Every structure is written in structure tokens, then in C-alpha cells.
Amino acid sequence: MLRYAALILLILLIVLQVKLWTGAGGVREVESLQSAVEAQKKQNAELKARNDALGAEVQDLKEGRDAIEGRARSELGLIRPGETFYQIVEPGAEDKNPPPRRP
């Protein structure tokens, strides 16, 4: 009788070990979920840094005329009245972008 109880307990232990290592909610799944959580935390940190930078830029644009002027100058090529615009063309730049041919 004691041998049967020991055998049943051994079989039960084996079944539980198999479930622990390979079943749903087992060790493999937990490790996989932990790595997914770490990857998501890293992505969240990157996005938070980007949001903080954008928030600072928005604040600068709301409060300062210097930021607006700098953006207009760099992105739109605007100049102030009385300023003279100079464009420097590197030698050979014309070869890269030839004018369109007319038929």
C-alpha cells in the first residue's frame, strides 16, 4: 500500500513539473512576458524622452519669439527686411541636379 502511495505521489510530482515547465503560465511563458515587459519599458522611456523634447519645443514656440524666428529662418528661408540673402553653391553641385530639358 505504501508503494502505491509513493508511486502515485511520484507520478503527480512528474505531472506538476511538466506543467510548471511547459504549460500555460509556466516558466517559459513567464520569461517571455518578462522580456516583453522590459522591451516595452525601453520603448516607453524613448517615447517619454521624445515627448519631453517636443513639449519643450512647444513651450519655446509659445513663449519666445526667438524660437519662432529661428524656425522660420531655418525651415522657410525667411530673412528680415534690410538683410541680404547669400546662397553659396558648392562646385559641382550643378552636375548633381541638372536643369530639366525642354522639348
PDB file of N, CA and C in Angstrom:
ATOM      1  N   MET A   1       0.815  -1.191   0.000  1.00  0.00           N
ATOM      2  CA  MET A   1       0.000   0.000   0.000  1.00  0.00           C
ATOM      3  C   MET A   1       0.865   1.265   0.000  1.00  0.00           C
ATOM      4  N   LEU A   2       1.937   1.246   0.759  1.00  0.00           N
ATOM      5  CA  LEU A   2       2.840   2.382   0.830  1.00  0.00           C
ATOM      6  C   LEU A   2       3.550   2.599  -0.504  1.00  0.00           C
ATOM      7  N   ARG A   3       3.827   1.508  -1.217  1.00  0.00           N
ATOM      8  CA  ARG A   3       4.475   1.619  -2.535  1.00  0.00           C
ATOM      9  C   ARG A   3       3.545   2.300  -3.527  1.00  0.00           C
ATOM     10  N   TYR A   4       2.252   1.975  -3.468  1.00  0.00           N
ATOM     11  CA  TYR A   4       1.295   2.597  -4.395  1.00  0.00           C
ATOM     12  C   TYR A   4       1.148   4.097  -4.101  1.00  0.00           C
ATOM     13  N   ALA A   5       1.127   4.446  -2.852  1.00  0.00           N
ATOM     14  CA  ALA A   5       1.025   5.868  -2.479  1.00  0.00           C
ATOM     15  C   ALA A   5       2.271   6.613  -2.950  1.00  0.00           C
ATOM     16  N   ALA A   6       3.454   6.029  -2.788  1.00  0.00           N
ATOM     17  CA  ALA A   6       4.689   6.659  -3.237  1.00  0.00           C
ATOM     18  C   ALA A   6       4.708   6.787  -4.760  1.00  0.00           C
ATOM     19  N   LEU A   7       4.201   5.751  -5.456  1.00  0.00           N
ATOM     20  CA  LEU A   7       4.142   5.770  -6.917  1.00  0.00           C
ATOM     21  C   LEU A   7       3.171   6.856  -7.387  1.00  0.00           C
ATOM     22  N   ILE A   8       2.040   6.966  -6.752  1.00  0.00           N
ATOM     23  CA  ILE A   8       1.050   7.991  -7.124  1.00  0.00           C
ATOM     24  C   ILE A   8       1.632   9.384  -6.872  1.00  0.00           C
ATOM     25  N   LEU A   9       2.294   9.577  -5.752  1.00  0.00           N
ATOM     26  CA  LEU A   9       2.912  10.865  -5.465  1.00  0.00           C
ATOM     27  C   LEU A   9       4.016  11.196  -6.465  1.00  0.00           C
ATOM     28  N   LEU A  10       4.796  10.198  -6.871  1.00  0.00           N
ATOM     29  CA  LEU A  10       5.849  10.415  -7.865  1.00  0.00           C
ATOM     30  C   LEU A  10       5.246  10.808  -9.207  1.00  0.00           C
ATOM     31  N   ILE A  11       4.193  10.135  -9.624  1.00  0.00           N
ATOM     32  CA  ILE A  11       3.523  10.474 -10.898  1.00  0.00           C
ATOM     33  C   ILE A  11       2.935  11.875 -10.820  1.00  0.00           C
ATOM     34  N   LEU A  12       2.317  12.200  -9.704  1.00  0.00           N
ATOM     35  CA  LEU A  12       1.752  13.534  -9.515  1.00  0.00           C
ATOM     36  C   LEU A  12       2.854  14.603  -9.564  1.00  0.00           C
ATOM     37  N   LEU A  13       3.988  14.324  -8.962  1.00  0.00           N
ATOM     38  CA  LEU A  13       5.116  15.245  -8.987  1.00  0.00           C
ATOM     39  C   LEU A  13       5.621  15.456 -10.415  1.00  0.00           C
ATOM     40  N   ILE A  14       5.714  14.393 -11.182  1.00  0.00           N
ATOM     41  CA  ILE A  14       6.166  14.489 -12.579  1.00  0.00           C
ATOM     42  C   ILE A  14       5.182  15.317 -13.398  1.00  0.00           C
ATOM     43  N   VAL A  15       3.882  15.076 -13.218  1.00  0.00           N
ATOM     44  CA  VAL A  15       2.862  15.831 -13.963  1.00  0.00           C
ATOM     45  C   VAL A  15       2.946  17.313 -13.609  1.00  0.00           C
ATOM     46  N   LEU A  16       3.095  17.620 -12.337  1.00  0.00           N
ATOM     47  CA  LEU A  16       3.190  19.016 -11.924  1.00  0.00           C
ATOM     48  C   LEU A  16       4.459  19.687 -12.465  1.00  0.00           C
ATOM     49  N   GLN A  17       5.557  18.970 -12.502  1.00  0.00           N
ATOM     50  CA  GLN A  17       6.795  19.517 -13.053  1.00  0.00           C
ATOM     51  C   GLN A  17       6.650  19.809 -14.544  1.00  0.00           C
ATOM     52  N   VAL A  18       6.023  18.895 -15.273  1.00  0.00           N
ATOM     53  CA  VAL A  18       5.813  19.101 -16.710  1.00  0.00           C
ATOM     54  C   VAL A  18       4.949  20.337 -16.919  1.00  0.00           C
ATOM     55  N   LYS A  19       3.884  20.456 -16.149  1.00  0.00           N
ATOM     56  CA  LYS A  19       3.006  21.618 -16.266  1.00  0.00           C
ATOM     57  C   LYS A  19       3.764  22.897 -15.909  1.00  0.00           C
ATOM     58  N   LEU A  20       4.597  22.847 -14.891  1.00  0.00           N
ATOM     59  CA  LEU A  20       5.355  24.023 -14.476  1.00  0.00           C
ATOM     60  C   LEU A  20       6.295  24.502 -15.580  1.00  0.00           C
ATOM     61  N   TRP A  21       6.971  23.593 -16.241  1.00  0.00           N
ATOM     62  CA  TRP A  21       7.974  23.979 -17.229  1.00  0.00           C
ATOM     63  C   TRP A  21       7.408  24.233 -18.611  1.00  0.00           C
ATOM     64  N   THR A  22       6.320  23.551 -18.989  1.00  0.00           N
ATOM     65  CA  THR A  22       5.844  23.664 -20.372  1.00  0.00           C
ATOM     66  C   THR A  22       4.424  24.192 -20.494  1.00  0.00           C
ATOM     67  N   GLY A  23       3.643  24.183 -19.457  1.00  0.00           N
ATOM     68  CA  GLY A  23       2.230  24.552 -19.545  1.00  0.00           C
ATOM     69  C   GLY A  23       2.005  26.048 -19.586  1.00  0.00           C
ATOM     70  N   ALA A  24       0.713  26.399 -19.726  1.00  0.00           N
ATOM     71  CA  ALA A  24       0.323  27.806 -19.727  1.00  0.00           C
ATOM     72  C   ALA A  24       0.645  28.398 -18.361  1.00  0.00           C
ATOM     73  N   GLY A  25       1.273  29.563 -18.372  1.00  0.00           N
ATOM     74  CA  GLY A  25       1.685  30.194 -17.126  1.00  0.00           C
ATOM     75  C   GLY A  25       2.941  29.592 -16.552  1.00  0.00           C
ATOM     76  N   GLY A  26       3.617  28.778 -17.359  1.00  0.00           N
ATOM     77  CA  GLY A  26       4.837  28.127 -16.900  1.00  0.00           C
ATOM     78  C   GLY A  26       6.047  29.043 -16.977  1.00  0.00           C
ATOM     79  N   VAL A  27       7.185  28.468 -16.697  1.00  0.00           N
ATOM     80  CA  VAL A  27       8.425  29.225 -16.628  1.00  0.00           C
ATOM     81  C   VAL A  27       8.756  29.881 -17.964  1.00  0.00           C
ATOM     82  N   ARG A  28       8.584  29.180 -19.056  1.00  0.00           N
ATOM     83  CA  ARG A  28       8.909  29.749 -20.378  1.00  0.00           C
ATOM     84  C   ARG A  28       8.026  30.959 -20.689  1.00  0.00           C
ATOM     85  N   GLU A  29       6.749  30.815 -20.398  1.00  0.00           N
ATOM     86  CA  GLU A  29       5.839  31.920 -20.680  1.00  0.00           C
ATOM     87  C   GLU A  29       6.151  33.127 -19.796  1.00  0.00           C
ATOM     88  N   VAL A  30       6.480  32.895 -18.550  1.00  0.00           N
ATOM     89  CA  VAL A  30       6.826  33.984 -17.638  1.00  0.00           C
ATOM     90  C   VAL A  30       8.079  34.702 -18.123  1.00  0.00           C
ATOM     91  N   GLU A  31       9.093  33.973 -18.542  1.00  0.00           N
ATOM     92  CA  GLU A  31      10.316  34.590 -19.062  1.00  0.00           C
ATOM     93  C   GLU A  31      10.030  35.397 -20.323  1.00  0.00           C
ATOM     94  N   SER A  32       9.185  34.858 -21.187  1.00  0.00           N
ATOM     95  CA  SER A  32       8.819  35.563 -22.412  1.00  0.00           C
ATOM     96  C   SER A  32       8.091  36.864 -22.082  1.00  0.00           C
ATOM     97  N   LEU A  33       7.172  36.812 -21.142  1.00  0.00           N
ATOM     98  CA  LEU A  33       6.435  38.010 -20.758  1.00  0.00           C
ATOM     99  C   LEU A  33       7.343  39.034 -20.086  1.00  0.00           C
ATOM    100  N   GLN A  34       8.294  38.572 -19.296  1.00  0.00           N
ATOM    101  CA  GLN A  34       9.230  39.497 -18.653  1.00  0.00           C
ATOM    102  C   GLN A  34      10.086  40.221 -19.686  1.00  0.00           C
ATOM    103  N   SER A  35      10.527  39.515 -20.719  1.00  0.00           N
ATOM    104  CA  SER A  35      11.325  40.177 -21.757  1.00  0.00           C
ATOM    105  C   SER A  35      10.465  41.159 -22.554  1.00  0.00           C
ATOM    106  N   ALA A  36       9.192  40.813 -22.771  1.00  0.00           N
ATOM    107  CA  ALA A  36       8.295  41.738 -23.464  1.00  0.00           C
ATOM    108  C   ALA A  36       8.061  42.996 -22.633  1.00  0.00           C
ATOM    109  N   VAL A  37       7.934  42.839 -21.324  1.00  0.00           N
ATOM    110  CA  VAL A  37       7.746  43.990 -20.435  1.00  0.00           C
ATOM    111  C   VAL A  37       8.985  44.880 -20.464  1.00  0.00           C
ATOM    112  N   GLU A  38      10.162  44.301 -20.444  1.00  0.00           N
ATOM    113  CA  GLU A  38      11.400  45.094 -20.493  1.00  0.00           C
ATOM    114  C   GLU A  38      11.505  45.864 -21.802  1.00  0.00           C
ATOM    115  N   ALA A  39      11.158  45.212 -22.910  1.00  0.00           N
ATOM    116  CA  ALA A  39      11.198  45.891 -24.208  1.00  0.00           C
ATOM    117  C   ALA A  39      10.204  47.050 -24.230  1.00  0.00           C
ATOM    118  N   GLN A  40       9.024  46.840 -23.664  1.00  0.00           N
ATOM    119  CA  GLN A  40       8.016  47.900 -23.634  1.00  0.00           C
ATOM    120  C   GLN A  40       8.461  49.057 -22.746  1.00  0.00           C
ATOM    121  N   LYS A  41       9.118  48.758 -21.625  1.00  0.00           N
ATOM    122  CA  LYS A  41       9.631  49.814 -20.748  1.00  0.00           C
ATOM    123  C   LYS A  41      10.680  50.654 -21.474  1.00  0.00           C
ATOM    124  N   LYS A  42      11.535  49.995 -22.244  1.00  0.00           N
ATOM    125  CA  LYS A  42      12.567  50.708 -23.002  1.00  0.00           C
ATOM    126  C   LYS A  42      11.922  51.624 -24.043  1.00  0.00           C
ATOM    127  N   GLN A  43      10.932  51.098 -24.749  1.00  0.00           N
ATOM    128  CA  GLN A  43      10.234  51.893 -25.757  1.00  0.00           C
ATOM    129  C   GLN A  43       9.508  53.071 -25.099  1.00  0.00           C
ATOM    130  N   ASN A  44       8.893  52.842 -23.952  1.00  0.00           N
ATOM    131  CA  ASN A  44       8.202  53.915 -23.236  1.00  0.00           C
ATOM    132  C   ASN A  44       9.172  55.012 -22.816  1.00  0.00           C
ATOM    133  N   ALA A  45      10.366  54.624 -22.363  1.00  0.00           N
ATOM    134  CA  ALA A  45      11.359  55.615 -21.960  1.00  0.00           C
ATOM    135  C   ALA A  45      11.799  56.462 -23.155  1.00  0.00           C
ATOM    136  N   GLU A  46      12.000  55.824 -24.308  1.00  0.00           N
ATOM    137  CA  GLU A  46      12.386  56.560 -25.510  1.00  0.00           C
ATOM    138  C   GLU A  46      11.287  57.530 -25.929  1.00  0.00           C
ATOM    139  N   LEU A  47      10.035  57.068 -25.884  1.00  0.00           N
ATOM    140  CA  LEU A  47       8.918  57.921 -26.272  1.00  0.00           C
ATOM    141  C   LEU A  47       8.717  59.061 -25.271  1.00  0.00           C
ATOM    142  N   LYS A  48       8.966  58.806 -23.997  1.00  0.00           N
ATOM    143  CA  LYS A  48       8.847  59.864 -22.997  1.00  0.00           C
ATOM    144  C   LYS A  48       9.896  60.939 -23.238  1.00  0.00           C
ATOM    145  N   ALA A  49      11.115  60.519 -23.563  1.00  0.00           N
ATOM    146  CA  ALA A  49      12.167  61.495 -23.861  1.00  0.00           C
ATOM    147  C   ALA A  49      11.791  62.330 -25.079  1.00  0.00           C
ATOM    148  N   ARG A  50      11.231  61.690 -26.081  1.00  0.00           N
ATOM    149  CA  ARG A  50      10.803  62.406 -27.291  1.00  0.00           C
ATOM    150  C   ARG A  50       9.670  63.381 -26.968  1.00  0.00           C
ATOM    151  N   ASN A  51       8.712  62.925 -26.152  1.00  0.00           N
ATOM    152  CA  ASN A  51       7.609  63.802 -25.760  1.00  0.00           C
ATOM    153  C   ASN A  51       8.106  64.995 -24.950  1.00  0.00           C
ATOM    154  N   ASP A  52       9.064  64.761 -24.074  1.00  0.00           N
ATOM    155  CA  ASP A  52       9.624  65.854 -23.284  1.00  0.00           C
ATOM    156  C   ASP A  52      10.306  66.887 -24.185  1.00  0.00           C
ATOM    157  N   ALA A  53      11.046  66.397 -25.177  1.00  0.00           N
ATOM    158  CA  ALA A  53      11.715  67.311 -26.105  1.00  0.00           C
ATOM    159  C   ALA A  53      10.696  68.105 -26.914  1.00  0.00           C
ATOM    160  N   LEU A  54       9.644  67.429 -27.374  1.00  0.00           N
ATOM    161  CA  LEU A  54       8.606  68.129 -28.132  1.00  0.00           C
ATOM    162  C   LEU A  54       7.861  69.132 -27.244  1.00  0.00           C
ATOM    163  N   GLY A  55       7.629  68.755 -25.997  1.00  0.00           N
ATOM    164  CA  GLY A  55       6.966  69.666 -25.068  1.00  0.00           C
ATOM    165  C   GLY A  55       7.793  70.914 -24.825  1.00  0.00           C
ATOM    166  N   ALA A  56       9.095  70.739 -24.685  1.00  0.00           N
ATOM    167  CA  ALA A  56       9.983  71.890 -24.502  1.00  0.00           C
ATOM    168  C   ALA A  56       9.973  72.779 -25.737  1.00  0.00           C
ATOM    169  N   GLU A  57       9.940  72.157 -26.907  1.00  0.00           N
ATOM    170  CA  GLU A  57       9.909  72.936 -28.148  1.00  0.00           C
ATOM    171  C   GLU A  57       8.600  73.714 -28.263  1.00  0.00           C
ATOM    172  N   VAL A  58       7.496  73.083 -27.899  1.00  0.00           N
ATOM    173  CA  VAL A  58       6.193  73.756 -27.920  1.00  0.00           C
ATOM    174  C   VAL A  58       6.209  74.938 -26.956  1.00  0.00           C
ATOM    175  N   GLN A  59       6.761  74.726 -25.766  1.00  0.00           N
ATOM    176  CA  GLN A  59       6.842  75.807 -24.777  1.00  0.00           C
ATOM    177  C   GLN A  59       7.677  76.958 -25.309  1.00  0.00           C
ATOM    178  N   ASP A  60       8.798  76.655 -25.964  1.00  0.00           N
ATOM    179  CA  ASP A  60       9.635  77.704 -26.554  1.00  0.00           C
ATOM    180  C   ASP A  60       8.871  78.479 -27.621  1.00  0.00           C
ATOM    181  N   LEU A  61       8.119  77.745 -28.448  1.00  0.00           N
ATOM    182  CA  LEU A  61       7.372  78.408 -29.511  1.00  0.00           C
ATOM    183  C   LEU A  61       6.245  79.271 -28.946  1.00  0.00           C
ATOM    184  N   LYS A  62       5.655  78.854 -27.830  1.00  0.00           N
ATOM    185  CA  LYS A  62       4.585  79.645 -27.229  1.00  0.00           C
ATOM    186  C   LYS A  62       5.116  80.909 -26.566  1.00  0.00           C
ATOM    187  N   GLU A  63       6.283  80.814 -25.951  1.00  0.00           N
ATOM    188  CA  GLU A  63       6.772  81.921 -25.133  1.00  0.00           C
ATOM    189  C   GLU A  63       7.788  82.817 -25.828  1.00  0.00           C
ATOM    190  N   GLY A  64       8.598  82.267 -26.695  1.00  0.00           N
ATOM    191  CA  GLY A  64       9.704  83.060 -27.221  1.00  0.00           C
ATOM    192  C   GLY A  64       9.602  83.335 -28.699  1.00  0.00           C
ATOM    193  N   ARG A  65       9.859  84.586 -29.031  1.00  0.00           N
ATOM    194  CA  ARG A  65       9.878  84.951 -30.445  1.00  0.00           C
ATOM    195  C   ARG A  65      11.157  84.466 -31.110  1.00  0.00           C
ATOM    196  N   ASP A  66      12.218  84.296 -30.329  1.00  0.00           N
ATOM    197  CA  ASP A  66      13.485  83.840 -30.902  1.00  0.00           C
ATOM    198  C   ASP A  66      13.345  82.447 -31.502  1.00  0.00           C
ATOM    199  N   ALA A  67      12.614  81.581 -30.823  1.00  0.00           N
ATOM    200  CA  ALA A  67      12.423  80.228 -31.333  1.00  0.00           C
ATOM    201  C   ALA A  67      11.614  80.249 -32.618  1.00  0.00           C
ATOM    202  N   ILE A  68      10.581  81.087 -32.652  1.00  0.00           N
ATOM    203  CA  ILE A  68       9.749  81.190 -33.862  1.00  0.00           C
ATOM    204  C   ILE A  68      10.579  81.736 -35.020  1.00  0.00           C
ATOM    205  N   GLU A  69      11.362  82.775 -34.728  1.00  0.00           N
ATOM    206  CA  GLU A  69      12.193  83.367 -35.772  1.00  0.00           C
ATOM    207  C   GLU A  69      13.225  82.379 -36.283  1.00  0.00           C
ATOM    208  N   GLY A  70      13.872  81.648 -35.369  1.00  0.00           N
ATOM    209  CA  GLY A  70      14.868  80.664 -35.783  1.00  0.00           C
ATOM    210  C   GLY A  70      14.264  79.572 -36.646  1.00  0.00           C
ATOM    211  N   ARG A  71      13.073  79.142 -36.274  1.00  0.00           N
ATOM    212  CA  ARG A  71      12.398  78.098 -37.064  1.00  0.00           C
ATOM    213  C   ARG A  71      12.016  78.624 -38.447  1.00  0.00           C
ATOM    214  N   ALA A  72      11.516  79.856 -38.503  1.00  0.00           N
ATOM    215  CA  ALA A  72      11.143  80.450 -39.790  1.00  0.00           C
ATOM    216  C   ALA A  72      12.365  80.625 -40.682  1.00  0.00           C
ATOM    217  N   ARG A  73      13.482  81.017 -40.091  1.00  0.00           N
ATOM    218  CA  ARG A  73      14.696  81.194 -40.880  1.00  0.00           C
ATOM    219  C   ARG A  73      15.230  79.863 -41.410  1.00  0.00           C
ATOM    220  N   SER A  74      15.243  78.843 -40.557  1.00  0.00           N
ATOM    221  CA  SER A  74      15.845  77.574 -40.975  1.00  0.00           C
ATOM    222  C   SER A  74      14.942  76.775 -41.904  1.00  0.00           C
ATOM    223  N   GLU A  75      13.645  76.737 -41.598  1.00  0.00           N
ATOM    224  CA  GLU A  75      12.754  75.879 -42.388  1.00  0.00           C
ATOM    225  C   GLU A  75      12.171  76.584 -43.603  1.00  0.00           C
ATOM    226  N   LEU A  76      11.918  77.886 -43.487  1.00  0.00           N
ATOM    227  CA  LEU A  76      11.262  78.598 -44.577  1.00  0.00           C
ATOM    228  C   LEU A  76      12.208  79.518 -45.346  1.00  0.00           C
ATOM    229  N   GLY A  77      13.416  79.703 -44.831  1.00  0.00           N
ATOM    230  CA  GLY A  77      14.386  80.546 -45.509  1.00  0.00           C
ATOM    231  C   GLY A  77      14.022  82.023 -45.473  1.00  0.00           C
ATOM    232  N   LEU A  78      13.301  82.444 -44.447  1.00  0.00           N
ATOM    233  CA  LEU A  78      12.886  83.838 -44.359  1.00  0.00           C
ATOM    234  C   LEU A  78      14.041  84.719 -43.899  1.00  0.00           C
ATOM    235  N   ILE A  79      14.011  85.982 -44.351  1.00  0.00           N
ATOM    236  CA  ILE A  79      15.014  86.962 -43.936  1.00  0.00           C
ATOM    237  C   ILE A  79      14.283  88.209 -43.450  1.00  0.00           C
ATOM    238  N   ARG A  80      14.973  89.012 -42.658  1.00  0.00           N
ATOM    239  CA  ARG A  80      14.403  90.260 -42.149  1.00  0.00           C
ATOM    240  C   ARG A  80      14.508  91.348 -43.213  1.00  0.00           C
ATOM    241  N   PRO A  81      13.650  92.350 -43.112  1.00  0.00           N
ATOM    242  CA  PRO A  81      13.778  93.496 -44.033  1.00  0.00           C
ATOM    243  C   PRO A  81      15.140  94.158 -43.834  1.00  0.00           C
ATOM    244  N   GLY A  82      15.781  94.476 -44.922  1.00  0.00           N
ATOM    245  CA  GLY A  82      17.089  95.124 -44.862  1.00  0.00           C
ATOM    246  C   GLY A  82      18.249  94.143 -44.872  1.00  0.00           C
ATOM    247  N   GLU A  83      17.987  92.845 -44.696  1.00  0.00           N
ATOM    248  CA  GLU A  83      19.054  91.854 -44.752  1.00  0.00           C
ATOM    249  C   GLU A  83      19.284  91.439 -46.197  1.00  0.00           C
ATOM    250  N   THR A  84      20.470  90.979 -46.475  1.00  0.00           N
ATOM    251  CA  THR A  84      20.805  90.489 -47.807  1.00  0.00           C
ATOM    252  C   THR A  84      21.031  88.984 -47.710  1.00  0.00           C
ATOM    253  N   PHE A  85      20.399  88.254 -48.599  1.00  0.00           N
ATOM    254  CA  PHE A  85      20.497  86.800 -48.608  1.00  0.00           C
ATOM    255  C   PHE A  85      21.601  86.386 -49.569  1.00  0.00           C
ATOM    256  N   TYR A  86      22.499  85.541 -49.081  1.00  0.00           N
ATOM    257  CA  TYR A  86      23.566  84.982 -49.908  1.00  0.00           C
ATOM    258  C   TYR A  86      23.422  83.472 -49.903  1.00  0.00           C
ATOM    259  N   GLN A  87      23.462  82.890 -51.082  1.00  0.00           N
ATOM    260  CA  GLN A  87      23.417  81.434 -51.191  1.00  0.00           C
ATOM    261  C   GLN A  87      24.726  80.964 -51.789  1.00  0.00           C
ATOM    262  N   ILE A  88      25.390  80.072 -51.090  1.00  0.00           N
ATOM    263  CA  ILE A  88      26.682  79.557 -51.548  1.00  0.00           C
ATOM    264  C   ILE A  88      26.444  78.210 -52.213  1.00  0.00           C
ATOM    265  N   VAL A  89      26.876  78.110 -53.450  1.00  0.00           N
ATOM    266  CA  VAL A  89      26.721  76.866 -54.210  1.00  0.00           C
ATOM    267  C   VAL A  89      28.085  76.209 -54.301  1.00  0.00           C
ATOM    268  N   GLU A  90      28.159  74.963 -53.871  1.00  0.00           N
ATOM    269  CA  GLU A  90      29.413  74.217 -53.917  1.00  0.00           C
ATOM    270  C   GLU A  90      29.755  73.888 -55.365  1.00  0.00           C
ATOM    271  N   PRO A  91      31.050  73.865 -55.706  1.00  0.00           N
ATOM    272  CA  PRO A  91      31.434  73.484 -57.064  1.00  0.00           C
ATOM    273  C   PRO A  91      30.981  72.054 -57.355  1.00  0.00           C
ATOM    274  N   GLY A  92      30.434  71.853 -58.504  1.00  0.00           N
ATOM    275  CA  GLY A  92      29.976  70.525 -58.900  1.00  0.00           C
ATOM    276  C   GLY A  92      28.553  70.230 -58.470  1.00  0.00           C
ATOM    277  N   ALA A  93      27.927  71.121 -57.722  1.00  0.00           N
ATOM    278  CA  ALA A  93      26.550  70.895 -57.275  1.00  0.00           C
ATOM    279  C   ALA A  93      25.591  70.951 -58.449  1.00  0.00           C
ATOM    280  N   GLU A  94      25.950  71.734 -59.466  1.00  0.00           N
ATOM    281  CA  GLU A  94      25.087  71.838 -60.638  1.00  0.00           C
ATOM    282  C   GLU A  94      25.069  70.529 -61.423  1.00  0.00           C
ATOM    283  N   ASP A  95      26.155  69.768 -61.354  1.00  0.00           N
ATOM    284  CA  ASP A  95      26.207  68.495 -62.071  1.00  0.00           C
ATOM    285  C   ASP A  95      25.236  67.479 -61.473  1.00  0.00           C
ATOM    286  N   LYS A  96      25.025  67.566 -60.158  1.00  0.00           N
ATOM    287  CA  LYS A  96      24.163  66.597 -59.496  1.00  0.00           C
ATOM    288  C   LYS A  96      22.697  66.833 -59.820  1.00  0.00           C
ATOM    289  N   ASN A  97      22.290  68.080 -59.983  1.00  0.00           N
ATOM    290  CA  ASN A  97      20.913  68.427 -60.263  1.00  0.00           C
ATOM    291  C   ASN A  97      20.843  69.261 -61.539  1.00  0.00           C
ATOM    292  N   PRO A  98      20.961  68.622 -62.687  1.00  0.00           N
ATOM    293  CA  PRO A  98      20.929  69.390 -63.938  1.00  0.00           C
ATOM    294  C   PRO A  98      19.534  69.974 -64.167  1.00  0.00           C
ATOM    295  N   PRO A  99      19.469  71.099 -64.866  1.00  0.00           N
ATOM    296  CA  PRO A  99      18.159  71.697 -65.149  1.00  0.00           C
ATOM    297  C   PRO A  99      17.369  70.757 -66.068  1.00  0.00           C
ATOM    298  N   PRO A 100      16.049  70.817 -65.982  1.00  0.00           N
ATOM    299  CA  PRO A 100      15.230  69.934 -66.836  1.00  0.00           C
ATOM    300  C   PRO A 100      15.369  70.319 -68.304  1.00  0.00           C
ATOM    301  N   ARG A 101      15.324  69.322 -69.143  1.00  0.00           N
ATOM    302  CA  ARG A 101      15.437  69.554 -70.589  1.00  0.00           C
ATOM    303  C   ARG A 101      14.092  69.984 -71.144  1.00  0.00           C
ATOM    304  N   ARG A 102      14.156  70.906 -72.080  1.00  0.00           N
ATOM    305  CA  ARG A 102      12.928  71.361 -72.737  1.00  0.00           C
ATOM    306  C   ARG A 102      12.839  70.708 -74.106  1.00  0.00           C
ATOM    307  N   PRO A 103      11.658  70.278 -74.462  1.00  0.00           N
ATOM    308  CA  PRO A 103      11.494  69.613 -75.781  1.00  0.00           C
ATOM    309  C   PRO A 103      11.585  70.536 -76.958  1.00  0.00           C
TER     310      PRO A 103
END
